Amino acid sequence: MSEASDTNNTSAMKGTNKTNGTSGDRAAAIEVRGLRKSFGELEVLRGIDITVRRGEVVCVIGPSGSGKSTLLRCVNLLEEPTSGTVRVAGSEVTDPEVDIDRVRRRIGMVFQAFNLFPHLTALGNLTIAQRRVLGRGKTEAEEVARRNLRRVGLTEKEASYPAQLSGGQQQRVAIARALSMGPDLMLFDEPTSALDPELVGDVLAVMRGLADDGMTMLVVTHEMSFAREVADRVIFMDDGIVVEEGSPDQVVGDPQHARTRAFLSRVLDPAAAEVLEGEPPPGPQPEGGHQEKRGHQEVPKQQPR
């Protein structure tokens, strides 16, 4: 049996084993208050307030262009906020005097693109930052790297170069690379969006394992099943604001806001998406049509020709 299969089986046995205690009992790992970010005339984030507590998994969902990835990049100052504050493990990253490199060592980030060095093996990709940033020796760095490759089910791929790996394997190497730095929390920016559907499962299995182990995670994702099964809380963003926030059962299972329902109907019912793309704004319907319900959406039923 492959290590990837072991990872899937372990995750299935664990299920959604959430961290003990309520989120309110745990210290804040990430605190965002009044966060705004503009690119020229375009305001992408418009006063974001969120808290992620230690050991908590928070998934951020929403349409493209809603500001999800910009929020993530502001947390570790890859994008400098226009205004507002961001605190990570008690350190204010928006403080001009902060040692941002020290703070970033506590944050692992996994991007949509894998960003692996093409000229280095999987093992080399995991050891280079350990040695140059953390100052670890070769032996220690390789021990840590091999432990994390085993954790993501890729022990046998340590000598492989990125071009010799599938997209899913490359993303798992990227996760192992982030874990090799010993982060206190992980940021995931749509880690499966660039993958073929059949490769998504192995990456999500690794992320489920991290959640089961109590890793603090802020995840931007379109994987609704993952959000519903693994997240402690789900945040729905649209047009640069937090529209709705709550447990997965609340936000994904029983959304209260019309915009959340509209988004989920498109994501959960792709067959309806093409019809809904041309849907007119709310108001009187054209003559000659009547309504057919589909999920939370009402879509005009086409008349026979």
C-alpha atoms as a PDB file:
ATOM      1  CA  MET A   1       0.000   0.000   0.000  1.00  0.00           C
ATOM      2  CA  SER A   2       1.367   3.445  -0.907  1.00  0.00           C
ATOM      3  CA  GLU A   3       2.039   6.160   1.671  1.00  0.00           C
ATOM      4  CA  ALA A   4      -0.553   8.359  -0.046  1.00  0.00           C
ATOM      5  CA  SER A   5      -3.124   5.610   0.547  1.00  0.00           C
ATOM      6  CA  ASP A   6      -2.019   5.416   4.185  1.00  0.00           C
ATOM      7  CA  THR A   7      -2.579   9.150   4.465  1.00  0.00           C
ATOM      8  CA  ASN A   8      -6.090   8.835   3.038  1.00  0.00           C
ATOM      9  CA  ASN A   9      -6.939   5.892   5.313  1.00  0.00           C
ATOM     10  CA  THR A  10      -5.604   7.638   8.404  1.00  0.00           C
ATOM     11  CA  SER A  11      -7.613  10.733   7.572  1.00  0.00           C
ATOM     12  CA  ALA A  12     -10.740   8.675   7.026  1.00  0.00           C
ATOM     13  CA  MET A  13     -10.303   6.966  10.398  1.00  0.00           C
ATOM     14  CA  LYS A  14      -9.778  10.257  12.166  1.00  0.00           C
ATOM     15  CA  GLY A  15     -12.717  11.931  10.443  1.00  0.00           C
ATOM     16  CA  THR A  16     -13.154  15.499  11.588  1.00  0.00           C
ATOM     17  CA  ASN A  17     -11.470  15.256  14.965  1.00  0.00           C
ATOM     18  CA  LYS A  18     -11.594  18.906  16.023  1.00  0.00           C
ATOM     19  CA  THR A  19      -9.394  20.471  18.676  1.00  0.00           C
ATOM     20  CA  ASN A  20     -10.744  20.119  22.208  1.00  0.00           C
ATOM     21  CA  GLY A  21     -12.382  23.160  23.714  1.00  0.00           C
ATOM     22  CA  THR A  22     -14.353  25.959  22.153  1.00  0.00           C
ATOM     23  CA  SER A  23     -12.628  28.478  19.953  1.00  0.00           C
ATOM     24  CA  GLY A  24     -13.298  31.188  22.525  1.00  0.00           C
ATOM     25  CA  ASP A  25     -11.101  29.302  25.035  1.00  0.00           C
ATOM     26  CA  ARG A  26      -8.017  29.545  22.807  1.00  0.00           C
ATOM     27  CA  ALA A  27      -5.620  32.434  22.275  1.00  0.00           C
ATOM     28  CA  ALA A  28      -5.756  34.256  18.961  1.00  0.00           C
ATOM     29  CA  ALA A  29      -3.226  33.145  16.355  1.00  0.00           C
ATOM     30  CA  ILE A  30      -4.357  35.766  13.795  1.00  0.00           C
ATOM     31  CA  GLU A  31      -6.227  38.989  14.513  1.00  0.00           C
ATOM     32  CA  VAL A  32      -7.267  41.282  11.674  1.00  0.00           C
ATOM     33  CA  ARG A  33      -8.996  44.568  12.478  1.00  0.00           C
ATOM     34  CA  GLY A  34     -10.280  47.236  10.081  1.00  0.00           C
ATOM     35  CA  LEU A  35      -8.140  45.893   7.235  1.00  0.00           C
ATOM     36  CA  ARG A  36      -8.308  47.870   4.008  1.00  0.00           C
ATOM     37  CA  LYS A  37      -6.261  47.413   0.871  1.00  0.00           C
ATOM     38  CA  SER A  38      -6.397  49.461  -2.315  1.00  0.00           C
ATOM     39  CA  PHE A  39      -4.606  49.092  -5.621  1.00  0.00           C
ATOM     40  CA  GLY A  40      -4.800  52.590  -7.030  1.00  0.00           C
ATOM     41  CA  GLU A  41      -8.482  53.503  -7.310  1.00  0.00           C
ATOM     42  CA  LEU A  42      -9.630  49.933  -6.676  1.00  0.00           C
ATOM     43  CA  GLU A  43     -10.404  49.093  -3.039  1.00  0.00           C
ATOM     44  CA  VAL A  44     -10.010  45.321  -2.731  1.00  0.00           C
ATOM     45  CA  LEU A  45     -10.490  44.954   1.042  1.00  0.00           C
ATOM     46  CA  ARG A  46     -13.018  47.206   2.763  1.00  0.00           C
ATOM     47  CA  GLY A  47     -12.719  46.918   6.525  1.00  0.00           C
ATOM     48  CA  ILE A  48     -12.075  43.235   7.303  1.00  0.00           C
ATOM     49  CA  ASP A  49     -12.338  41.984  10.906  1.00  0.00           C
ATOM     50  CA  ILE A  50     -11.496  38.319  11.537  1.00  0.00           C
ATOM     51  CA  THR A  51      -9.917  36.217  14.285  1.00  0.00           C
ATOM     52  CA  VAL A  52      -8.359  32.773  13.921  1.00  0.00           C
ATOM     53  CA  ARG A  53      -7.605  31.018  17.194  1.00  0.00           C
ATOM     54  CA  ARG A  54      -4.838  28.522  17.867  1.00  0.00           C
ATOM     55  CA  GLY A  55      -5.660  25.074  16.608  1.00  0.00           C
ATOM     56  CA  GLU A  56      -8.576  26.373  14.573  1.00  0.00           C
ATOM     57  CA  VAL A  57      -9.228  25.705  10.873  1.00  0.00           C
ATOM     58  CA  VAL A  58     -10.945  28.618   9.135  1.00  0.00           C
ATOM     59  CA  CYS A  59     -11.916  28.366   5.474  1.00  0.00           C
ATOM     60  CA  VAL A  60     -12.516  31.499   3.411  1.00  0.00           C
ATOM     61  CA  ILE A  61     -14.830  31.069   0.441  1.00  0.00           C
ATOM     62  CA  GLY A  62     -16.231  33.457  -2.136  1.00  0.00           C
ATOM     63  CA  PRO A  63     -16.163  34.374  -5.825  1.00  0.00           C
ATOM     64  CA  SER A  64     -13.002  35.287  -7.692  1.00  0.00           C
ATOM     65  CA  GLY A  65     -12.029  38.901  -7.101  1.00  0.00           C
ATOM     66  CA  SER A  66     -13.652  39.095  -3.667  1.00  0.00           C
ATOM     67  CA  GLY A  67     -10.333  39.780  -1.894  1.00  0.00           C
ATOM     68  CA  LYS A  68      -9.673  36.350  -0.395  1.00  0.00           C
ATOM     69  CA  SER A  69      -6.101  35.942  -1.626  1.00  0.00           C
ATOM     70  CA  THR A  70      -5.283  39.581  -0.870  1.00  0.00           C
ATOM     71  CA  LEU A  71      -6.420  39.015   2.717  1.00  0.00           C
ATOM     72  CA  LEU A  72      -4.088  36.032   3.009  1.00  0.00           C
ATOM     73  CA  ARG A  73      -1.167  37.973   1.546  1.00  0.00           C
ATOM     74  CA  CYS A  74      -1.769  40.843   3.976  1.00  0.00           C
ATOM     75  CA  VAL A  75      -1.496  38.446   6.930  1.00  0.00           C
ATOM     76  CA  ASN A  76       2.208  37.870   6.273  1.00  0.00           C
ATOM     77  CA  LEU A  77       2.749  41.272   4.650  1.00  0.00           C
ATOM     78  CA  LEU A  78       3.329  40.022   1.114  1.00  0.00           C
ATOM     79  CA  GLU A  79       0.881  42.855   0.423  1.00  0.00           C
ATOM     80  CA  GLU A  80       1.116  45.962   2.591  1.00  0.00           C
ATOM     81  CA  PRO A  81      -2.320  46.998   3.912  1.00  0.00           C
ATOM     82  CA  THR A  82      -3.580  50.490   3.171  1.00  0.00           C
ATOM     83  CA  SER A  83      -4.928  50.739   6.729  1.00  0.00           C
ATOM     84  CA  GLY A  84      -5.918  48.541   9.657  1.00  0.00           C
ATOM     85  CA  THR A  85      -3.929  46.136  11.829  1.00  0.00           C
ATOM     86  CA  VAL A  86      -2.834  42.524  11.525  1.00  0.00           C
ATOM     87  CA  ARG A  87      -1.466  40.591  14.496  1.00  0.00           C
ATOM     88  CA  VAL A  88       0.092  37.137  14.253  1.00  0.00           C
ATOM     89  CA  ALA A  89       0.734  35.276  17.527  1.00  0.00           C
ATOM     90  CA  GLY A  90       0.725  38.599  19.365  1.00  0.00           C
ATOM     91  CA  SER A  91       3.103  40.412  16.998  1.00  0.00           C
ATOM     92  CA  GLU A  92       1.661  43.279  14.975  1.00  0.00           C
ATOM     93  CA  VAL A  93       2.926  42.711  11.455  1.00  0.00           C
ATOM     94  CA  THR A  94       1.582  46.122  10.386  1.00  0.00           C
ATOM     95  CA  ASP A  95       3.857  47.875  12.903  1.00  0.00           C
ATOM     96  CA  PRO A  96       6.590  49.670  10.894  1.00  0.00           C
ATOM     97  CA  GLU A  97       9.134  48.569  13.528  1.00  0.00           C
ATOM     98  CA  VAL A  98       8.278  44.869  13.381  1.00  0.00           C
ATOM     99  CA  ASP A  99      10.925  42.321  12.403  1.00  0.00           C
ATOM    100  CA  ILE A 100       8.802  40.838   9.633  1.00  0.00           C
ATOM    101  CA  ASP A 101      11.333  38.119   8.772  1.00  0.00           C
ATOM    102  CA  ARG A 102      11.133  36.815  12.348  1.00  0.00           C
ATOM    103  CA  VAL A 103       7.321  36.783  12.198  1.00  0.00           C
ATOM    104  CA  ARG A 104       7.270  35.083   8.791  1.00  0.00           C
ATOM    105  CA  ARG A 105       9.338  32.199  10.154  1.00  0.00           C
ATOM    106  CA  ARG A 106       6.276  31.282  12.216  1.00  0.00           C
ATOM    107  CA  ILE A 107       3.975  31.274   9.166  1.00  0.00           C
ATOM    108  CA  GLY A 108       3.902  28.595   6.489  1.00  0.00           C
ATOM    109  CA  MET A 109       2.277  29.549   3.200  1.00  0.00           C
ATOM    110  CA  VAL A 110       1.209  27.333   0.316  1.00  0.00           C
ATOM    111  CA  PHE A 111       0.314  29.075  -2.937  1.00  0.00           C
ATOM    112  CA  GLN A 112      -1.811  28.164  -5.950  1.00  0.00           C
ATOM    113  CA  ALA A 113       1.397  27.719  -7.952  1.00  0.00           C
ATOM    114  CA  PHE A 114       3.844  25.280  -6.406  1.00  0.00           C
ATOM    115  CA  ASN A 115       6.870  27.611  -6.618  1.00  0.00           C
ATOM    116  CA  LEU A 116       9.419  24.811  -6.370  1.00  0.00           C
ATOM    117  CA  PHE A 117      12.998  25.321  -7.533  1.00  0.00           C
ATOM    118  CA  PRO A 118      13.153  23.331 -10.802  1.00  0.00           C
ATOM    119  CA  HIS A 119      16.888  22.633 -10.489  1.00  0.00           C
ATOM    120  CA  LEU A 120      16.559  21.060  -7.015  1.00  0.00           C
ATOM    121  CA  THR A 121      15.209  17.662  -6.038  1.00  0.00           C
ATOM    122  CA  ALA A 122      12.253  17.352  -3.676  1.00  0.00           C
ATOM    123  CA  LEU A 123      14.713  16.886  -0.824  1.00  0.00           C
ATOM    124  CA  GLY A 124      16.711  19.911  -1.947  1.00  0.00           C
ATOM    125  CA  ASN A 125      13.592  22.058  -2.085  1.00  0.00           C
ATOM    126  CA  LEU A 126      12.875  21.150   1.537  1.00  0.00           C
ATOM    127  CA  THR A 127      16.383  21.734   2.879  1.00  0.00           C
ATOM    128  CA  ILE A 128      17.496  24.965   1.207  1.00  0.00           C
ATOM    129  CA  ALA A 129      15.448  27.369   3.349  1.00  0.00           C
ATOM    130  CA  GLN A 130      16.144  25.393   6.497  1.00  0.00           C
ATOM    131  CA  ARG A 131      19.875  25.806   5.963  1.00  0.00           C
ATOM    132  CA  ARG A 132      19.908  29.395   4.701  1.00  0.00           C
ATOM    133  CA  VAL A 133      17.185  30.903   6.902  1.00  0.00           C
ATOM    134  CA  LEU A 134      17.175  28.749  10.040  1.00  0.00           C
ATOM    135  CA  GLY A 135      20.878  27.901   9.954  1.00  0.00           C
ATOM    136  CA  ARG A 136      20.396  24.152  10.305  1.00  0.00           C
ATOM    137  CA  GLY A 137      23.174  21.811   9.338  1.00  0.00           C
ATOM    138  CA  LYS A 138      22.888  19.470   6.366  1.00  0.00           C
ATOM    139  CA  THR A 139      22.181  16.353   8.436  1.00  0.00           C
ATOM    140  CA  GLU A 140      19.484  17.968  10.593  1.00  0.00           C
ATOM    141  CA  ALA A 141      17.843  19.666   7.596  1.00  0.00           C
ATOM    142  CA  GLU A 142      17.678  16.380   5.685  1.00  0.00           C
ATOM    143  CA  GLU A 143      16.221  14.551   8.705  1.00  0.00           C
ATOM    144  CA  VAL A 144      13.477  17.163   9.025  1.00  0.00           C
ATOM    145  CA  ALA A 145      12.873  17.104   5.254  1.00  0.00           C
ATOM    146  CA  ARG A 146      12.559  13.322   5.114  1.00  0.00           C
ATOM    147  CA  ARG A 147      10.186  13.328   8.080  1.00  0.00           C
ATOM    148  CA  ASN A 148       7.907  15.802   6.299  1.00  0.00           C
ATOM    149  CA  LEU A 149       8.110  14.016   2.957  1.00  0.00           C
ATOM    150  CA  ARG A 150       6.957  10.913   4.821  1.00  0.00           C
ATOM    151  CA  ARG A 151       4.170  12.965   6.394  1.00  0.00           C
ATOM    152  CA  VAL A 152       2.803  13.878   2.936  1.00  0.00           C
ATOM    153  CA  GLY A 153       3.342  10.383   1.506  1.00  0.00           C
ATOM    154  CA  LEU A 154       6.312  11.121  -0.760  1.00  0.00           C
ATOM    155  CA  THR A 155       9.303   9.377   0.811  1.00  0.00           C
ATOM    156  CA  GLU A 156      10.094   7.579  -2.449  1.00  0.00           C
ATOM    157  CA  LYS A 157      10.192  10.891  -4.363  1.00  0.00           C
ATOM    158  CA  GLU A 158      12.968  12.641  -2.453  1.00  0.00           C
ATOM    159  CA  ALA A 159      15.412  12.364  -5.384  1.00  0.00           C
ATOM    160  CA  SER A 160      12.865  13.451  -8.008  1.00  0.00           C
ATOM    161  CA  TYR A 161      12.903  16.876  -9.639  1.00  0.00           C
ATOM    162  CA  PRO A 162       9.675  18.916  -9.936  1.00  0.00           C
ATOM    163  CA  ALA A 163       9.356  18.126 -13.656  1.00  0.00           C
ATOM    164  CA  GLN A 164       9.248  14.425 -12.761  1.00  0.00           C
ATOM    165  CA  LEU A 165       6.326  14.888 -10.347  1.00  0.00           C
ATOM    166  CA  SER A 166       2.609  15.273 -10.954  1.00  0.00           C
ATOM    167  CA  GLY A 167       0.894  18.510  -9.979  1.00  0.00           C
ATOM    168  CA  GLY A 168      -0.529  16.914  -6.852  1.00  0.00           C
ATOM    169  CA  GLN A 169       2.879  15.581  -5.849  1.00  0.00           C
ATOM    170  CA  GLN A 170       4.471  18.994  -6.408  1.00  0.00           C
ATOM    171  CA  GLN A 171       1.855  20.614  -4.180  1.00  0.00           C
ATOM    172  CA  ARG A 172       2.474  18.037  -1.470  1.00  0.00           C
ATOM    173  CA  VAL A 173       6.205  18.804  -1.697  1.00  0.00           C
ATOM    174  CA  ALA A 174       5.331  22.487  -1.280  1.00  0.00           C
ATOM    175  CA  ILE A 175       3.321  21.664   1.859  1.00  0.00           C
ATOM    176  CA  ALA A 176       6.197  19.560   3.213  1.00  0.00           C
ATOM    177  CA  ARG A 177       8.596  22.432   2.495  1.00  0.00           C
ATOM    178  CA  ALA A 178       6.443  24.822   4.541  1.00  0.00           C
ATOM    179  CA  LEU A 179       6.166  22.294   7.394  1.00  0.00           C
ATOM    180  CA  SER A 180       9.950  21.828   7.425  1.00  0.00           C
ATOM    181  CA  MET A 181      10.307  25.402   8.692  1.00  0.00           C
ATOM    182  CA  GLY A 182       8.362  24.505  11.849  1.00  0.00           C
ATOM    183  CA  PRO A 183       5.522  27.036  11.462  1.00  0.00           C
ATOM    184  CA  ASP A 184       2.962  27.858  14.166  1.00  0.00           C
ATOM    185  CA  LEU A 185       0.256  28.312  11.550  1.00  0.00           C
ATOM    186  CA  MET A 186      -0.369  27.640   7.871  1.00  0.00           C
ATOM    187  CA  LEU A 187      -1.919  29.799   5.160  1.00  0.00           C
ATOM    188  CA  PHE A 188      -3.292  28.019   2.073  1.00  0.00           C
ATOM    189  CA  ASP A 189      -4.194  30.044  -1.012  1.00  0.00           C
ATOM    190  CA  GLU A 190      -6.448  27.770  -3.111  1.00  0.00           C
ATOM    191  CA  PRO A 191      -3.881  24.952  -3.011  1.00  0.00           C
ATOM    192  CA  THR A 192      -5.899  22.647  -5.293  1.00  0.00           C
ATOM    193  CA  SER A 193      -7.058  25.157  -7.909  1.00  0.00           C
ATOM    194  CA  ALA A 194      -4.269  24.317 -10.377  1.00  0.00           C
ATOM    195  CA  LEU A 195      -4.695  20.548 -10.071  1.00  0.00           C
ATOM    196  CA  ASP A 196      -6.530  18.003 -12.177  1.00  0.00           C
ATOM    197  CA  PRO A 197      -9.622  16.779 -10.283  1.00  0.00           C
ATOM    198  CA  GLU A 198      -8.168  13.304  -9.753  1.00  0.00           C
ATOM    199  CA  LEU A 199      -5.121  14.779  -7.974  1.00  0.00           C
ATOM    200  CA  VAL A 200      -7.043  16.971  -5.536  1.00  0.00           C
ATOM    201  CA  GLY A 201      -7.849  14.191  -3.068  1.00  0.00           C
ATOM    202  CA  ASP A 202      -4.262  13.468  -2.011  1.00  0.00           C
ATOM    203  CA  VAL A 203      -3.581  17.146  -1.255  1.00  0.00           C
ATOM    204  CA  LEU A 204      -6.799  17.511   0.728  1.00  0.00           C
ATOM    205  CA  ALA A 205      -5.965  14.323   2.647  1.00  0.00           C
ATOM    206  CA  VAL A 206      -2.678  15.874   3.756  1.00  0.00           C
ATOM    207  CA  MET A 207      -4.487  19.032   4.842  1.00  0.00           C
ATOM    208  CA  ARG A 208      -7.045  16.960   6.761  1.00  0.00           C
ATOM    209  CA  GLY A 209      -4.156  15.283   8.546  1.00  0.00           C
ATOM    210  CA  LEU A 210      -2.718  18.653   9.537  1.00  0.00           C
ATOM    211  CA  ALA A 211      -6.103  19.703  10.903  1.00  0.00           C
ATOM    212  CA  ASP A 212      -6.358  16.489  12.885  1.00  0.00           C
ATOM    213  CA  ASP A 213      -2.917  17.213  14.341  1.00  0.00           C
ATOM    214  CA  GLY A 214      -4.118  20.616  15.588  1.00  0.00           C
ATOM    215  CA  MET A 215      -2.349  22.872  13.083  1.00  0.00           C
ATOM    216  CA  THR A 216      -3.800  26.386  12.918  1.00  0.00           C
ATOM    217  CA  MET A 217      -4.932  26.911   9.323  1.00  0.00           C
ATOM    218  CA  LEU A 218      -6.439  29.776   7.322  1.00  0.00           C
ATOM    219  CA  VAL A 219      -7.512  28.296   3.995  1.00  0.00           C
ATOM    220  CA  VAL A 220      -8.818  30.051   0.892  1.00  0.00           C
ATOM    221  CA  THR A 221     -10.649  27.353  -1.034  1.00  0.00           C
ATOM    222  CA  HIS A 222     -13.408  26.432  -3.463  1.00  0.00           C
ATOM    223  CA  GLU A 223     -13.499  22.872  -2.086  1.00  0.00           C
ATOM    224  CA  MET A 224     -16.842  22.996  -0.286  1.00  0.00           C
ATOM    225  CA  SER A 225     -16.664  19.395   0.928  1.00  0.00           C
ATOM    226  CA  PHE A 226     -13.336  20.130   2.617  1.00  0.00           C
ATOM    227  CA  ALA A 227     -14.710  23.316   4.195  1.00  0.00           C
ATOM    228  CA  ARG A 228     -17.776  21.507   5.486  1.00  0.00           C
ATOM    229  CA  GLU A 229     -15.914  18.478   6.846  1.00  0.00           C
ATOM    230  CA  VAL A 230     -12.742  20.026   8.265  1.00  0.00           C
ATOM    231  CA  ALA A 231     -13.293  23.711   9.081  1.00  0.00           C
ATOM    232  CA  ASP A 232     -14.237  24.979  12.512  1.00  0.00           C
ATOM    233  CA  ARG A 233     -15.573  28.136  10.860  1.00  0.00           C
ATOM    234  CA  VAL A 234     -16.315  29.305   7.335  1.00  0.00           C
ATOM    235  CA  ILE A 235     -16.097  32.920   6.169  1.00  0.00           C
ATOM    236  CA  PHE A 236     -17.870  34.012   2.991  1.00  0.00           C
ATOM    237  CA  MET A 237     -16.355  37.090   1.355  1.00  0.00           C
ATOM    238  CA  ASP A 238     -17.670  39.159  -1.534  1.00  0.00           C
ATOM    239  CA  ASP A 239     -16.648  42.551  -2.902  1.00  0.00           C
ATOM    240  CA  GLY A 240     -13.969  43.043  -0.250  1.00  0.00           C
ATOM    241  CA  ILE A 241     -16.116  42.463   2.845  1.00  0.00           C
ATOM    242  CA  VAL A 242     -17.085  39.573   5.125  1.00  0.00           C
ATOM    243  CA  VAL A 243     -20.703  38.847   4.180  1.00  0.00           C
ATOM    244  CA  GLU A 244     -21.333  35.851   6.430  1.00  0.00           C
ATOM    245  CA  GLU A 245     -19.394  33.884   9.030  1.00  0.00           C
ATOM    246  CA  GLY A 246     -20.185  30.861  11.170  1.00  0.00           C
ATOM    247  CA  SER A 247     -19.891  27.104  11.455  1.00  0.00           C
ATOM    248  CA  PRO A 248     -19.814  25.051   8.237  1.00  0.00           C
ATOM    249  CA  ASP A 249     -23.349  23.830   8.917  1.00  0.00           C
ATOM    250  CA  GLN A 250     -24.500  27.431   9.181  1.00  0.00           C
ATOM    251  CA  VAL A 251     -22.670  29.026   6.254  1.00  0.00           C
ATOM    252  CA  VAL A 252     -22.490  26.123   3.790  1.00  0.00           C
ATOM    253  CA  GLY A 253     -25.488  24.126   4.980  1.00  0.00           C
ATOM    254  CA  ASP A 254     -27.963  26.893   5.819  1.00  0.00           C
ATOM    255  CA  PRO A 255     -26.688  30.276   4.565  1.00  0.00           C
ATOM    256  CA  GLN A 256     -28.702  33.268   5.710  1.00  0.00           C
ATOM    257  CA  HIS A 257     -27.517  35.900   3.228  1.00  0.00           C
ATOM    258  CA  ALA A 258     -28.892  35.921  -0.321  1.00  0.00           C
ATOM    259  CA  ARG A 259     -25.431  36.536  -1.800  1.00  0.00           C
ATOM    260  CA  THR A 260     -24.030  33.488   0.007  1.00  0.00           C
ATOM    261  CA  ARG A 261     -26.892  31.349  -1.280  1.00  0.00           C
ATOM    262  CA  ALA A 262     -26.356  32.565  -4.835  1.00  0.00           C
ATOM    263  CA  PHE A 263     -22.642  31.759  -4.703  1.00  0.00           C
ATOM    264  CA  LEU A 264     -23.154  28.300  -3.220  1.00  0.00           C
ATOM    265  CA  SER A 265     -25.828  27.432  -5.766  1.00  0.00           C
ATOM    266  CA  ARG A 266     -23.283  28.085  -8.527  1.00  0.00           C
ATOM    267  CA  VAL A 267     -20.486  26.161  -6.808  1.00  0.00           C
ATOM    268  CA  LEU A 268     -22.565  23.189  -5.658  1.00  0.00           C
ATOM    269  CA  ASP A 269     -24.647  22.943  -8.848  1.00  0.00           C
ATOM    270  CA  PRO A 270     -22.243  23.587 -11.751  1.00  0.00           C
ATOM    271  CA  ALA A 271     -24.889  22.469 -14.264  1.00  0.00           C
ATOM    272  CA  ALA A 272     -26.963  25.479 -13.272  1.00  0.00           C
ATOM    273  CA  ALA A 273     -24.044  27.891 -13.472  1.00  0.00           C
ATOM    274  CA  GLU A 274     -24.289  28.451 -17.223  1.00  0.00           C
ATOM    275  CA  VAL A 275     -27.951  29.360 -16.905  1.00  0.00           C
ATOM    276  CA  LEU A 276     -27.332  31.599 -13.915  1.00  0.00           C
ATOM    277  CA  GLU A 277     -24.481  33.499 -15.537  1.00  0.00           C
ATOM    278  CA  GLY A 278     -27.004  35.319 -17.720  1.00  0.00           C
ATOM    279  CA  GLU A 279     -29.539  35.754 -14.951  1.00  0.00           C
ATOM    280  CA  PRO A 280     -31.037  39.266 -14.850  1.00  0.00           C
ATOM    281  CA  PRO A 281     -30.864  41.261 -11.609  1.00  0.00           C
ATOM    282  CA  PRO A 282     -33.684  40.784  -9.081  1.00  0.00           C
ATOM    283  CA  GLY A 283     -36.929  42.413 -10.203  1.00  0.00           C
ATOM    284  CA  PRO A 284     -39.923  41.751 -12.477  1.00  0.00           C
ATOM    285  CA  GLN A 285     -39.419  38.781 -14.771  1.00  0.00           C
ATOM    286  CA  PRO A 286     -39.843  39.009 -18.552  1.00  0.00           C
ATOM    287  CA  GLU A 287     -43.242  38.177 -19.912  1.00  0.00           C
ATOM    288  CA  GLY A 288     -43.816  34.696 -21.279  1.00  0.00           C
ATOM    289  CA  GLY A 289     -41.647  32.920 -18.708  1.00  0.00           C
ATOM    290  CA  HIS A 290     -42.400  31.193 -15.445  1.00  0.00           C
ATOM    291  CA  GLN A 291     -40.126  30.167 -12.611  1.00  0.00           C
ATOM    292  CA  GLU A 292     -38.512  26.836 -11.926  1.00  0.00           C
ATOM    293  CA  LYS A 293     -36.821  26.418  -8.552  1.00  0.00           C
ATOM    294  CA  ARG A 294     -33.325  24.962  -8.435  1.00  0.00           C
ATOM    295  CA  GLY A 295     -31.735  24.876  -4.991  1.00  0.00           C
ATOM    296  CA  HIS A 296     -31.840  28.362  -3.493  1.00  0.00           C
ATOM    297  CA  GLN A 297     -32.053  30.022  -6.912  1.00  0.00           C
ATOM    298  CA  GLU A 298     -35.017  30.750  -9.110  1.00  0.00           C
ATOM    299  CA  VAL A 299     -34.146  30.558 -12.786  1.00  0.00           C
ATOM    300  CA  PRO A 300     -36.381  31.352 -15.746  1.00  0.00           C
ATOM    301  CA  LYS A 301     -37.660  28.284 -17.538  1.00  0.00           C
ATOM    302  CA  GLN A 302     -37.157  28.535 -21.269  1.00  0.00           C
ATOM    303  CA  GLN A 303     -40.255  28.410 -23.443  1.00  0.00           C
ATOM    304  CA  PRO A 304     -40.562  25.821 -26.234  1.00  0.00           C
ATOM    305  CA  ARG A 305     -39.562  27.067 -29.627  1.00  0.00           C
END
